[in-house]
């Protein structure tokens, strides 16, 4: 299994931080609006809003500051890629078979049998 690391580009991180700043500003403004109206449930919601936005902003900032360092630590996600079985090219199979015969690892009968199997495969 191979691992592939997925991470945002620097410009995506900057854009994310700008969006976080906008949401933070929105949260603070809404908190004060709700405070003036006496909507305490809304104020509690906005406290959670600001906390979550700060958490997300911290992640973006951490990834931006450590962008050029070890990328395994600042990834957005990790994908496990199964080992892809590379389908051998028709010509590669014949070359390998000829190499086996030339090196004396297979005899003439085995060579002919295997070559005919390869030739019967779809090109």
N, C-alpha and C. Protein backbone atom coordinates (compact mmCIF):
# COMPACT_ATOMS: atom_id res chain seq x y z
N UNK A 1 0.83 -1.19 0.00
CA UNK A 1 0.00 0.00 0.00
C UNK A 1 0.88 1.25 0.00
N UNK A 2 0.50 2.19 -0.81
CA UNK A 2 1.19 3.46 -0.87
C UNK A 2 0.35 4.51 -0.18
N UNK A 3 1.02 5.51 0.36
CA UNK A 3 0.31 6.62 1.00
C UNK A 3 0.44 7.85 0.12
N UNK A 4 -0.64 8.53 -0.06
CA UNK A 4 -0.63 9.79 -0.79
C UNK A 4 -1.12 10.86 0.16
N UNK A 5 -0.39 11.93 0.26
CA UNK A 5 -0.75 13.01 1.16
C UNK A 5 -1.40 14.14 0.38
N UNK A 6 -2.53 14.58 0.86
CA UNK A 6 -3.28 15.64 0.21
C UNK A 6 -3.21 16.87 1.10
N UNK A 7 -2.78 17.97 0.55
CA UNK A 7 -2.73 19.20 1.34
C UNK A 7 -3.10 20.37 0.46
N UNK A 8 -3.65 21.41 1.08
CA UNK A 8 -4.04 22.58 0.30
C UNK A 8 -2.80 23.37 -0.15
N UNK A 9 -2.95 24.13 -1.20
CA UNK A 9 -1.87 24.99 -1.65
C UNK A 9 -1.78 26.20 -0.73
N UNK A 10 -0.69 26.93 -0.85
CA UNK A 10 -0.53 28.13 -0.01
C UNK A 10 -1.63 29.14 -0.29
N UNK A 11 -1.99 29.30 -1.54
CA UNK A 11 -3.05 30.27 -1.87
C UNK A 11 -4.40 29.82 -1.29
N UNK A 12 -4.65 28.52 -1.26
CA UNK A 12 -5.88 28.02 -0.65
C UNK A 12 -5.88 28.26 0.85
N UNK A 13 -4.72 28.14 1.48
CA UNK A 13 -4.63 28.41 2.91
C UNK A 13 -4.88 29.89 3.20
N UNK A 14 -4.33 30.76 2.37
CA UNK A 14 -4.55 32.20 2.55
C UNK A 14 -6.02 32.53 2.35
N UNK A 15 -6.62 31.96 1.31
CA UNK A 15 -8.04 32.19 1.07
C UNK A 15 -8.87 31.68 2.25
N UNK A 16 -8.50 30.55 2.78
CA UNK A 16 -9.20 30.01 3.94
C UNK A 16 -9.09 30.92 5.15
N UNK A 17 -7.90 31.49 5.36
CA UNK A 17 -7.72 32.40 6.49
C UNK A 17 -8.53 33.69 6.31
N UNK A 18 -8.67 34.15 5.08
CA UNK A 18 -9.50 35.34 4.81
C UNK A 18 -10.96 35.04 5.11
N UNK A 19 -11.42 33.88 4.69
CA UNK A 19 -12.80 33.48 4.97
C UNK A 19 -13.00 33.33 6.48
N UNK A 20 -12.03 32.75 7.17
CA UNK A 20 -12.11 32.62 8.63
C UNK A 20 -12.22 34.00 9.27
N UNK A 21 -11.42 34.95 8.80
CA UNK A 21 -11.48 36.31 9.36
C UNK A 21 -12.86 36.93 9.14
N UNK A 22 -13.45 36.70 7.97
CA UNK A 22 -14.78 37.23 7.68
C UNK A 22 -15.82 36.60 8.60
N UNK A 23 -15.75 35.30 8.79
CA UNK A 23 -16.70 34.62 9.68
C UNK A 23 -16.49 35.04 11.13
N UNK A 24 -15.26 35.28 11.51
CA UNK A 24 -14.98 35.75 12.87
C UNK A 24 -15.59 37.13 13.08
N UNK A 25 -15.40 38.01 12.12
CA UNK A 25 -15.98 39.36 12.20
C UNK A 25 -17.51 39.27 12.26
N UNK A 26 -18.09 38.42 11.43
CA UNK A 26 -19.53 38.23 11.44
C UNK A 26 -20.01 37.75 12.81
N UNK A 27 -19.28 36.81 13.38
CA UNK A 27 -19.65 36.27 14.69
C UNK A 27 -19.59 37.32 15.78
N UNK A 28 -18.55 38.14 15.76
CA UNK A 28 -18.41 39.19 16.78
C UNK A 28 -19.51 40.23 16.63
N UNK A 29 -19.78 40.67 15.41
CA UNK A 29 -20.84 41.66 15.17
C UNK A 29 -22.19 41.09 15.61
N UNK A 30 -22.48 39.85 15.23
CA UNK A 30 -23.75 39.24 15.61
C UNK A 30 -23.87 39.09 17.12
N UNK A 31 -22.75 38.79 17.79
CA UNK A 31 -22.79 38.68 19.25
C UNK A 31 -23.25 39.98 19.88
N UNK A 32 -22.68 41.11 19.43
CA UNK A 32 -23.05 42.40 20.01
C UNK A 32 -24.49 42.80 19.64
N UNK A 33 -24.92 42.45 18.43
CA UNK A 33 -26.31 42.73 18.04
C UNK A 33 -27.26 41.94 18.95
N UNK A 34 -26.95 40.67 19.15
CA UNK A 34 -27.79 39.83 19.99
C UNK A 34 -27.74 40.26 21.46
N UNK A 35 -26.59 40.78 21.88
CA UNK A 35 -26.45 41.25 23.25
C UNK A 35 -27.35 42.46 23.49
N UNK A 36 -27.41 43.37 22.52
CA UNK A 36 -28.27 44.56 22.65
C UNK A 36 -29.75 44.18 22.68
N UNK A 37 -30.10 43.10 21.99
CA UNK A 37 -31.50 42.67 21.97
C UNK A 37 -31.84 41.78 23.16
N UNK A 38 -30.82 41.35 23.90
CA UNK A 38 -31.05 40.49 25.05
C UNK A 38 -31.33 39.04 24.68
N UNK A 39 -30.91 38.61 23.51
CA UNK A 39 -31.11 37.23 23.05
C UNK A 39 -29.95 36.37 23.53
N UNK A 40 -30.12 35.84 24.75
CA UNK A 40 -29.02 35.10 25.37
C UNK A 40 -28.72 33.78 24.68
N UNK A 41 -29.74 33.14 24.19
CA UNK A 41 -29.50 31.87 23.47
C UNK A 41 -28.68 32.13 22.22
N UNK A 42 -28.98 33.21 21.52
CA UNK A 42 -28.21 33.58 20.34
C UNK A 42 -26.78 33.94 20.70
N UNK A 43 -26.60 34.58 21.85
CA UNK A 43 -25.25 34.94 22.29
C UNK A 43 -24.43 33.69 22.59
N UNK A 44 -25.06 32.70 23.23
CA UNK A 44 -24.35 31.44 23.51
C UNK A 44 -23.96 30.77 22.19
N UNK A 45 -24.88 30.78 21.23
CA UNK A 45 -24.57 30.21 19.92
C UNK A 45 -23.38 30.94 19.29
N UNK A 46 -23.36 32.26 19.39
CA UNK A 46 -22.28 33.02 18.75
C UNK A 46 -20.95 32.78 19.45
N UNK A 47 -20.97 32.50 20.77
CA UNK A 47 -19.73 32.14 21.47
C UNK A 47 -19.18 30.84 20.89
N UNK A 48 -20.06 29.85 20.70
CA UNK A 48 -19.63 28.59 20.07
C UNK A 48 -19.15 28.84 18.64
N UNK A 49 -19.86 29.69 17.93
CA UNK A 49 -19.50 30.04 16.55
C UNK A 49 -18.07 30.58 16.50
N UNK A 50 -17.79 31.56 17.36
CA UNK A 50 -16.46 32.18 17.37
C UNK A 50 -15.41 31.15 17.77
N UNK A 51 -15.72 30.29 18.73
CA UNK A 51 -14.76 29.26 19.15
C UNK A 51 -14.42 28.33 17.99
N UNK A 52 -15.43 27.84 17.28
CA UNK A 52 -15.21 26.93 16.15
C UNK A 52 -14.44 27.64 15.04
N UNK A 53 -14.79 28.89 14.76
CA UNK A 53 -14.09 29.64 13.71
C UNK A 53 -12.62 29.84 14.09
N UNK A 54 -12.35 30.13 15.37
CA UNK A 54 -10.96 30.28 15.82
C UNK A 54 -10.21 28.96 15.71
N UNK A 55 -10.88 27.86 16.01
CA UNK A 55 -10.25 26.55 15.88
C UNK A 55 -9.88 26.26 14.42
N UNK A 56 -10.81 26.51 13.53
CA UNK A 56 -10.55 26.29 12.09
C UNK A 56 -9.44 27.23 11.61
N UNK A 57 -9.49 28.49 12.05
CA UNK A 57 -8.45 29.44 11.67
C UNK A 57 -7.08 29.02 12.18
N UNK A 58 -7.04 28.45 13.39
CA UNK A 58 -5.78 27.95 13.93
C UNK A 58 -5.20 26.83 13.09
N UNK A 59 -6.06 25.97 12.60
CA UNK A 59 -5.60 24.87 11.74
C UNK A 59 -5.03 25.42 10.44
N UNK A 60 -5.74 26.39 9.85
CA UNK A 60 -5.22 27.01 8.63
C UNK A 60 -3.89 27.70 8.87
N UNK A 61 -3.79 28.42 9.97
CA UNK A 61 -2.55 29.14 10.29
C UNK A 61 -1.40 28.16 10.54
N UNK A 62 -1.67 27.08 11.26
CA UNK A 62 -0.65 26.07 11.53
C UNK A 62 -0.15 25.46 10.21
N UNK A 63 -1.08 25.10 9.34
CA UNK A 63 -0.69 24.52 8.05
C UNK A 63 0.10 25.51 7.20
N UNK A 64 -0.27 26.79 7.26
CA UNK A 64 0.44 27.80 6.48
C UNK A 64 1.86 27.99 7.01
N UNK A 65 1.99 28.08 8.33
CA UNK A 65 3.31 28.32 8.92
C UNK A 65 4.25 27.13 8.73
N UNK A 66 3.73 25.93 8.66
CA UNK A 66 4.54 24.73 8.52
C UNK A 66 4.49 24.15 7.12
N UNK A 67 4.12 24.96 6.16
CA UNK A 67 3.90 24.47 4.80
C UNK A 67 5.15 23.83 4.20
N UNK A 68 6.30 24.46 4.39
CA UNK A 68 7.53 23.96 3.76
C UNK A 68 8.27 22.95 4.62
N UNK A 69 7.75 22.67 5.79
CA UNK A 69 8.37 21.68 6.67
C UNK A 69 7.82 20.31 6.32
N UNK A 70 7.93 19.38 7.23
CA UNK A 70 7.47 18.01 7.00
C UNK A 70 6.00 18.00 6.62
N UNK A 71 5.70 17.66 5.38
CA UNK A 71 4.33 17.75 4.90
C UNK A 71 3.43 16.66 5.46
N UNK A 72 3.98 15.64 6.08
CA UNK A 72 3.14 14.60 6.67
C UNK A 72 2.38 15.12 7.88
N UNK A 73 2.88 16.20 8.49
CA UNK A 73 2.23 16.75 9.68
C UNK A 73 1.17 17.78 9.33
N UNK A 74 1.24 18.40 8.18
CA UNK A 74 0.27 19.45 7.85
C UNK A 74 -0.56 19.07 6.63
N UNK A 75 -1.07 17.86 6.68
CA UNK A 75 -1.88 17.39 5.56
C UNK A 75 -3.35 17.61 5.83
N UNK A 76 -4.08 17.79 4.78
CA UNK A 76 -5.53 17.88 4.91
C UNK A 76 -6.12 16.48 5.01
N UNK A 77 -5.45 15.53 4.44
CA UNK A 77 -5.94 14.15 4.50
C UNK A 77 -4.88 13.20 3.99
N UNK A 78 -5.06 11.94 4.29
CA UNK A 78 -4.13 10.93 3.85
C UNK A 78 -4.93 9.86 3.14
N UNK A 79 -4.48 9.50 1.98
CA UNK A 79 -5.18 8.50 1.18
C UNK A 79 -4.28 7.28 1.07
N UNK A 80 -4.84 6.12 1.32
CA UNK A 80 -4.11 4.87 1.14
C UNK A 80 -4.45 4.36 -0.26
N UNK A 81 -3.43 4.22 -1.06
CA UNK A 81 -3.61 3.76 -2.44
C UNK A 81 -3.17 2.30 -2.52
N UNK A 82 -4.08 1.41 -2.89
CA UNK A 82 -3.66 0.02 -3.05
C UNK A 82 -2.63 -0.09 -4.17
N UNK A 83 -1.72 -1.01 -3.99
CA UNK A 83 -0.71 -1.20 -5.02
C UNK A 83 -1.40 -1.57 -6.33
N UNK A 84 -1.25 -0.70 -7.26
CA UNK A 84 -1.88 -0.93 -8.56
C UNK A 84 -1.08 -1.99 -9.30
N UNK A 85 -1.77 -2.99 -9.77
CA UNK A 85 -1.11 -4.03 -10.54
C UNK A 85 -0.96 -3.49 -11.95
N UNK A 86 0.26 -3.26 -12.32
CA UNK A 86 0.52 -2.71 -13.64
C UNK A 86 0.35 -3.82 -14.67
N UNK A 87 -0.57 -3.60 -15.57
CA UNK A 87 -0.79 -4.57 -16.62
C UNK A 87 0.41 -4.52 -17.56
N UNK A 88 0.99 -5.66 -17.74
CA UNK A 88 2.16 -5.71 -18.60
C UNK A 88 1.76 -5.54 -20.06
N UNK A 89 2.56 -4.84 -20.73
CA UNK A 89 2.39 -4.64 -22.15
C UNK A 89 2.63 -5.98 -22.86
N UNK A 90 1.94 -6.17 -23.96
CA UNK A 90 2.05 -7.40 -24.74
C UNK A 90 3.51 -7.67 -25.12
N UNK A 91 4.17 -6.64 -25.59
CA UNK A 91 5.57 -6.80 -26.02
C UNK A 91 6.47 -7.11 -24.83
N UNK A 92 6.18 -6.54 -23.66
CA UNK A 92 7.00 -6.82 -22.46
C UNK A 92 6.92 -8.29 -22.08
N UNK A 93 5.73 -8.86 -22.18
CA UNK A 93 5.57 -10.27 -21.84
C UNK A 93 6.42 -11.15 -22.76
N UNK A 94 6.39 -10.81 -24.06
CA UNK A 94 7.19 -11.60 -25.01
C UNK A 94 8.68 -11.42 -24.77
N UNK A 95 9.10 -10.21 -24.46
CA UNK A 95 10.52 -9.97 -24.17
C UNK A 95 10.98 -10.77 -22.94
N UNK A 96 10.15 -10.74 -21.90
CA UNK A 96 10.51 -11.50 -20.69
C UNK A 96 10.58 -12.99 -20.98
N UNK A 97 9.65 -13.47 -21.76
CA UNK A 97 9.65 -14.88 -22.12
C UNK A 97 10.91 -15.23 -22.92
N UNK A 98 11.30 -14.37 -23.86
CA UNK A 98 12.54 -14.61 -24.63
C UNK A 98 13.75 -14.58 -23.72
N UNK A 99 13.76 -13.69 -22.74
CA UNK A 99 14.88 -13.63 -21.79
C UNK A 99 14.98 -14.91 -20.98
N UNK A 100 13.85 -15.43 -20.55
CA UNK A 100 13.85 -16.69 -19.79
C UNK A 100 14.41 -17.84 -20.62
N UNK A 101 14.04 -17.89 -21.90
CA UNK A 101 14.53 -18.95 -22.78
C UNK A 101 16.03 -18.79 -23.02
N UNK A 102 16.45 -17.54 -23.29
CA UNK A 102 17.86 -17.29 -23.58
C UNK A 102 18.75 -17.61 -22.37
N UNK A 103 18.24 -17.38 -21.18
CA UNK A 103 19.01 -17.65 -19.97
C UNK A 103 18.93 -19.11 -19.55
N UNK A 104 18.16 -19.90 -20.27
CA UNK A 104 18.08 -21.32 -19.99
C UNK A 104 17.19 -21.67 -18.81
N UNK A 105 16.32 -20.77 -18.43
CA UNK A 105 15.43 -21.02 -17.30
C UNK A 105 14.18 -21.81 -17.70
N UNK A 106 13.86 -21.77 -18.99
CA UNK A 106 12.76 -22.60 -19.50
C UNK A 106 13.25 -23.30 -20.76
N UNK A 107 12.65 -24.45 -21.05
CA UNK A 107 13.07 -25.19 -22.25
C UNK A 107 12.22 -24.76 -23.43
N UNK A 108 12.49 -25.34 -24.58
CA UNK A 108 11.81 -24.95 -25.82
C UNK A 108 10.31 -25.23 -25.76
N UNK A 109 9.93 -26.36 -25.18
CA UNK A 109 8.50 -26.72 -25.11
C UNK A 109 7.75 -25.73 -24.22
N UNK A 110 8.34 -25.38 -23.09
CA UNK A 110 7.70 -24.41 -22.20
C UNK A 110 7.59 -23.05 -22.88
N UNK A 111 8.65 -22.69 -23.63
CA UNK A 111 8.66 -21.42 -24.33
C UNK A 111 7.52 -21.37 -25.36
N UNK A 112 7.39 -22.41 -26.15
CA UNK A 112 6.35 -22.44 -27.19
C UNK A 112 4.96 -22.41 -26.56
N UNK A 113 4.77 -23.16 -25.49
CA UNK A 113 3.46 -23.20 -24.83
C UNK A 113 3.09 -21.82 -24.29
N UNK A 114 4.01 -21.22 -23.57
CA UNK A 114 3.72 -19.91 -22.97
C UNK A 114 3.56 -18.84 -24.05
N UNK A 115 4.35 -18.92 -25.11
CA UNK A 115 4.25 -17.93 -26.19
C UNK A 115 2.89 -18.02 -26.87
N UNK A 116 2.40 -19.24 -27.05
CA UNK A 116 1.10 -19.38 -27.67
C UNK A 116 -0.01 -18.84 -26.75
N UNK A 117 0.17 -19.01 -25.43
CA UNK A 117 -0.81 -18.43 -24.48
C UNK A 117 -0.82 -16.90 -24.58
N UNK A 118 0.36 -16.33 -24.67
CA UNK A 118 0.46 -14.87 -24.78
C UNK A 118 -0.15 -14.39 -26.09
N UNK A 119 0.12 -15.11 -27.16
CA UNK A 119 -0.38 -14.71 -28.47
C UNK A 119 -1.91 -14.82 -28.55
N UNK A 120 -2.50 -15.70 -27.74
CA UNK A 120 -3.96 -15.86 -27.74
C UNK A 120 -4.66 -14.73 -26.98
N UNK A 121 -3.90 -14.02 -26.14
CA UNK A 121 -4.52 -12.93 -25.37
C UNK A 121 -4.92 -11.77 -26.28
N UNK A 122 -5.88 -11.02 -25.79
CA UNK A 122 -6.34 -9.87 -26.55
C UNK A 122 -5.26 -8.80 -26.57
N UNK A 123 -5.00 -8.26 -27.75
CA UNK A 123 -3.96 -7.24 -27.89
C UNK A 123 -4.49 -5.99 -27.42
